[in-house]
Amino acid sequence: MHIIVGILLLLALLFDLVVWGGVKTIPEVGPKIRQIAQTQAPLVLTYMVIGEQLDAVVPALGRFGADYASQAFGDVVQRIKDDPNVAVIALFDSNTNSQQATVKAMFWAVPVLLVLFLIFWWRRPRQVTSMSGRRR
């Protein structure tokens, strides 16, 4: 079971890194989101920093992340322009489209799946060794 949860964890983490790495490319508000994330949302900042590196190495992932982030957060761009201090709050405040709901669900899925993975890994079946095969 820990293998299945581990695979789901890696897929959710990859999705988060790719999409949050593309947030910086959202016109007019991407750099503002990153700046506010530095003080208000350390997990978002972590996803953005690592995701930007991943997006730079694999351009196809970078394009997907930028497009997905633009579609997911396109509805809150005006709110962020009006008050950049609520950038991270605006991204998580409401579900205006299915992409934004997916980003929000995947954002919280990673910590939950990490805890589940650690629990299942700790409770995994262990190999039993027998003393009967040993002679003196």
C-alpha atoms as a PDB file:
ATOM      1  CA  MET A   1       0.000   0.000   0.000  1.00  0.00           C
ATOM      2  CA  HIS A   2       2.873   2.366   0.736  1.00  0.00           C
ATOM      3  CA  ILE A   3       4.040   1.994  -2.873  1.00  0.00           C
ATOM      4  CA  ILE A   4       0.685   3.162  -4.254  1.00  0.00           C
ATOM      5  CA  VAL A   5       0.555   6.126  -1.877  1.00  0.00           C
ATOM      6  CA  GLY A   6       4.191   6.922  -2.739  1.00  0.00           C
ATOM      7  CA  ILE A   7       3.415   6.976  -6.463  1.00  0.00           C
ATOM      8  CA  LEU A   8       0.393   9.223  -5.868  1.00  0.00           C
ATOM      9  CA  LEU A   9       2.589  11.491  -3.734  1.00  0.00           C
ATOM     10  CA  LEU A  10       5.185  11.796  -6.493  1.00  0.00           C
ATOM     11  CA  LEU A  11       2.539  12.540  -9.136  1.00  0.00           C
ATOM     12  CA  ALA A  12       0.887  15.208  -6.971  1.00  0.00           C
ATOM     13  CA  LEU A  13       4.275  16.740  -6.170  1.00  0.00           C
ATOM     14  CA  LEU A  14       5.254  16.800  -9.845  1.00  0.00           C
ATOM     15  CA  PHE A  15       1.957  18.484 -10.744  1.00  0.00           C
ATOM     16  CA  ASP A  16       2.452  21.101  -8.008  1.00  0.00           C
ATOM     17  CA  LEU A  17       6.025  21.831  -9.029  1.00  0.00           C
ATOM     18  CA  VAL A  18       5.144  22.189 -12.707  1.00  0.00           C
ATOM     19  CA  VAL A  19       2.073  24.393 -12.187  1.00  0.00           C
ATOM     20  CA  TRP A  20       3.473  26.588  -9.401  1.00  0.00           C
ATOM     21  CA  GLY A  21       6.681  26.937 -11.410  1.00  0.00           C
ATOM     22  CA  GLY A  22       4.539  28.426 -14.197  1.00  0.00           C
ATOM     23  CA  VAL A  23       2.826  30.988 -11.951  1.00  0.00           C
ATOM     24  CA  LYS A  24       5.701  33.438 -12.416  1.00  0.00           C
ATOM     25  CA  THR A  25       4.840  33.710 -16.123  1.00  0.00           C
ATOM     26  CA  ILE A  26       1.287  34.980 -15.526  1.00  0.00           C
ATOM     27  CA  PRO A  27       1.294  38.447 -17.131  1.00  0.00           C
ATOM     28  CA  GLU A  28       1.434  41.426 -14.759  1.00  0.00           C
ATOM     29  CA  VAL A  29       0.930  39.465 -11.521  1.00  0.00           C
ATOM     30  CA  GLY A  30       3.326  36.512 -11.602  1.00  0.00           C
ATOM     31  CA  PRO A  31       6.263  38.348  -9.995  1.00  0.00           C
ATOM     32  CA  LYS A  32       3.907  39.894  -7.411  1.00  0.00           C
ATOM     33  CA  ILE A  33       2.652  36.449  -6.410  1.00  0.00           C
ATOM     34  CA  ARG A  34       6.213  35.237  -5.938  1.00  0.00           C
ATOM     35  CA  GLN A  35       7.149  38.296  -3.903  1.00  0.00           C
ATOM     36  CA  ILE A  36       4.178  37.885  -1.558  1.00  0.00           C
ATOM     37  CA  ALA A  37       4.760  34.119  -1.304  1.00  0.00           C
ATOM     38  CA  GLN A  38       8.204  34.843   0.153  1.00  0.00           C
ATOM     39  CA  THR A  39       6.617  36.284   3.276  1.00  0.00           C
ATOM     40  CA  GLN A  40       3.200  34.626   3.459  1.00  0.00           C
ATOM     41  CA  ALA A  41       3.373  31.137   1.977  1.00  0.00           C
ATOM     42  CA  PRO A  42       6.620  29.191   2.343  1.00  0.00           C
ATOM     43  CA  LEU A  43       5.213  26.011   0.770  1.00  0.00           C
ATOM     44  CA  VAL A  44       4.001  27.953  -2.286  1.00  0.00           C
ATOM     45  CA  LEU A  45       7.428  29.590  -2.551  1.00  0.00           C
ATOM     46  CA  THR A  46       9.134  26.193  -2.322  1.00  0.00           C
ATOM     47  CA  TYR A  47       6.954  24.810  -5.112  1.00  0.00           C
ATOM     48  CA  MET A  48       7.631  27.919  -7.209  1.00  0.00           C
ATOM     49  CA  VAL A  49      11.420  27.905  -6.796  1.00  0.00           C
ATOM     50  CA  ILE A  50      11.858  24.182  -7.477  1.00  0.00           C
ATOM     51  CA  GLY A  51       9.159  24.245 -10.162  1.00  0.00           C
ATOM     52  CA  GLU A  52      10.839  27.093 -12.050  1.00  0.00           C
ATOM     53  CA  GLN A  53      14.054  25.064 -12.160  1.00  0.00           C
ATOM     54  CA  LEU A  54      12.161  21.980 -13.367  1.00  0.00           C
ATOM     55  CA  ASP A  55      10.247  24.004 -15.965  1.00  0.00           C
ATOM     56  CA  ALA A  56      13.516  25.454 -17.257  1.00  0.00           C
ATOM     57  CA  VAL A  57      15.069  22.000 -17.651  1.00  0.00           C
ATOM     58  CA  VAL A  58      12.026  20.463 -19.377  1.00  0.00           C
ATOM     59  CA  PRO A  59      10.459  23.154 -21.605  1.00  0.00           C
ATOM     60  CA  ALA A  60       7.343  21.090 -22.371  1.00  0.00           C
ATOM     61  CA  LEU A  61       6.539  20.945 -18.664  1.00  0.00           C
ATOM     62  CA  GLY A  62       7.216  24.670 -18.445  1.00  0.00           C
ATOM     63  CA  ARG A  63       4.706  25.423 -21.196  1.00  0.00           C
ATOM     64  CA  PHE A  64       2.109  23.151 -19.601  1.00  0.00           C
ATOM     65  CA  GLY A  65       2.660  24.756 -16.183  1.00  0.00           C
ATOM     66  CA  ALA A  66       2.442  28.295 -17.544  1.00  0.00           C
ATOM     67  CA  ASP A  67      -0.726  27.557 -19.520  1.00  0.00           C
ATOM     68  CA  TYR A  68      -2.381  25.714 -16.656  1.00  0.00           C
ATOM     69  CA  ALA A  69      -1.506  28.419 -14.129  1.00  0.00           C
ATOM     70  CA  SER A  70      -2.772  31.151 -16.451  1.00  0.00           C
ATOM     71  CA  GLN A  71      -6.085  29.349 -16.926  1.00  0.00           C
ATOM     72  CA  ALA A  72      -6.446  28.436 -13.266  1.00  0.00           C
ATOM     73  CA  PHE A  73      -5.717  31.871 -11.866  1.00  0.00           C
ATOM     74  CA  GLY A  74      -6.899  34.064 -14.741  1.00  0.00           C
ATOM     75  CA  ASP A  75     -10.069  35.030 -12.875  1.00  0.00           C
ATOM     76  CA  VAL A  76      -8.220  36.450  -9.853  1.00  0.00           C
ATOM     77  CA  VAL A  77      -5.674  38.525 -11.771  1.00  0.00           C
ATOM     78  CA  GLN A  78      -7.664  41.747 -11.347  1.00  0.00           C
ATOM     79  CA  ARG A  79      -7.998  41.193  -7.607  1.00  0.00           C
ATOM     80  CA  ILE A  80      -4.232  40.695  -7.309  1.00  0.00           C
ATOM     81  CA  LYS A  81      -3.576  43.828  -9.392  1.00  0.00           C
ATOM     82  CA  ASP A  82      -5.826  45.842  -7.084  1.00  0.00           C
ATOM     83  CA  ASP A  83      -4.184  44.597  -3.888  1.00  0.00           C
ATOM     84  CA  PRO A  84      -0.973  42.553  -4.311  1.00  0.00           C
ATOM     85  CA  ASN A  85      -0.870  41.806  -0.572  1.00  0.00           C
ATOM     86  CA  VAL A  86      -3.777  39.369  -0.958  1.00  0.00           C
ATOM     87  CA  ALA A  87      -2.168  37.481  -3.852  1.00  0.00           C
ATOM     88  CA  VAL A  88      -1.829  34.120  -2.129  1.00  0.00           C
ATOM     89  CA  ILE A  89      -5.190  34.482  -0.383  1.00  0.00           C
ATOM     90  CA  ALA A  90      -6.862  35.276  -3.714  1.00  0.00           C
ATOM     91  CA  LEU A  91      -5.388  32.152  -5.288  1.00  0.00           C
ATOM     92  CA  PHE A  92      -6.905  29.899  -2.612  1.00  0.00           C
ATOM     93  CA  ASP A  93      -9.999  31.890  -1.676  1.00  0.00           C
ATOM     94  CA  SER A  94     -12.562  30.648  -4.151  1.00  0.00           C
ATOM     95  CA  ASN A  95     -12.971  28.062  -6.876  1.00  0.00           C
ATOM     96  CA  THR A  96     -13.858  30.064  -9.960  1.00  0.00           C
ATOM     97  CA  ASN A  97     -13.010  27.236 -12.372  1.00  0.00           C
ATOM     98  CA  SER A  98     -12.106  23.558 -12.373  1.00  0.00           C
ATOM     99  CA  GLN A  99      -8.393  24.191 -12.911  1.00  0.00           C
ATOM    100  CA  GLN A 100      -8.207  26.356  -9.794  1.00  0.00           C
ATOM    101  CA  ALA A 101     -10.032  23.668  -7.790  1.00  0.00           C
ATOM    102  CA  THR A 102      -7.550  21.073  -9.062  1.00  0.00           C
ATOM    103  CA  VAL A 103      -4.558  23.226  -8.116  1.00  0.00           C
ATOM    104  CA  LYS A 104      -5.998  23.774  -4.642  1.00  0.00           C
ATOM    105  CA  ALA A 105      -6.734  20.057  -4.154  1.00  0.00           C
ATOM    106  CA  MET A 106      -3.293  19.007  -5.359  1.00  0.00           C
ATOM    107  CA  PHE A 107      -1.617  21.636  -3.167  1.00  0.00           C
ATOM    108  CA  TRP A 108      -3.140  20.056  -0.052  1.00  0.00           C
ATOM    109  CA  ALA A 109      -2.809  16.495  -1.373  1.00  0.00           C
ATOM    110  CA  VAL A 110       0.978  16.515  -1.111  1.00  0.00           C
ATOM    111  CA  PRO A 111       1.227  17.003   2.685  1.00  0.00           C
ATOM    112  CA  VAL A 112      -1.660  14.572   3.288  1.00  0.00           C
ATOM    113  CA  LEU A 113      -0.146  11.935   1.017  1.00  0.00           C
ATOM    114  CA  LEU A 114       3.249  12.436   2.654  1.00  0.00           C
ATOM    115  CA  VAL A 115       1.778  11.681   6.088  1.00  0.00           C
ATOM    116  CA  LEU A 116      -0.113   8.672   4.705  1.00  0.00           C
ATOM    117  CA  PHE A 117       3.019   7.397   2.975  1.00  0.00           C
ATOM    118  CA  LEU A 118       5.033   7.606   6.181  1.00  0.00           C
ATOM    119  CA  ILE A 119       2.307   5.800   8.145  1.00  0.00           C
ATOM    120  CA  PHE A 120       1.951   3.040   5.545  1.00  0.00           C
ATOM    121  CA  TRP A 121       5.719   2.710   5.195  1.00  0.00           C
ATOM    122  CA  TRP A 122       6.117   2.367   8.949  1.00  0.00           C
ATOM    123  CA  ARG A 123       3.362  -0.285   9.047  1.00  0.00           C
ATOM    124  CA  ARG A 124       4.542  -2.212   5.961  1.00  0.00           C
ATOM    125  CA  PRO A 125       5.048  -5.965   6.244  1.00  0.00           C
ATOM    126  CA  ARG A 126       8.575  -6.843   7.185  1.00  0.00           C
ATOM    127  CA  GLN A 127      10.608  -9.875   6.257  1.00  0.00           C
ATOM    128  CA  VAL A 128      10.631 -12.526   8.954  1.00  0.00           C
ATOM    129  CA  THR A 129      13.850 -14.429   9.511  1.00  0.00           C
ATOM    130  CA  SER A 130      13.959 -17.842  11.058  1.00  0.00           C
ATOM    131  CA  MET A 131      16.588 -19.140  13.442  1.00  0.00           C
ATOM    132  CA  SER A 132      15.942 -22.802  12.512  1.00  0.00           C
ATOM    133  CA  GLY A 133      18.334 -22.837   9.565  1.00  0.00           C
ATOM    134  CA  ARG A 134      21.323 -22.008  11.733  1.00  0.00           C
ATOM    135  CA  ARG A 135      23.441 -24.866  13.187  1.00  0.00           C
ATOM    136  CA  ARG A 136      25.998 -24.792  15.965  1.00  0.00           C
END
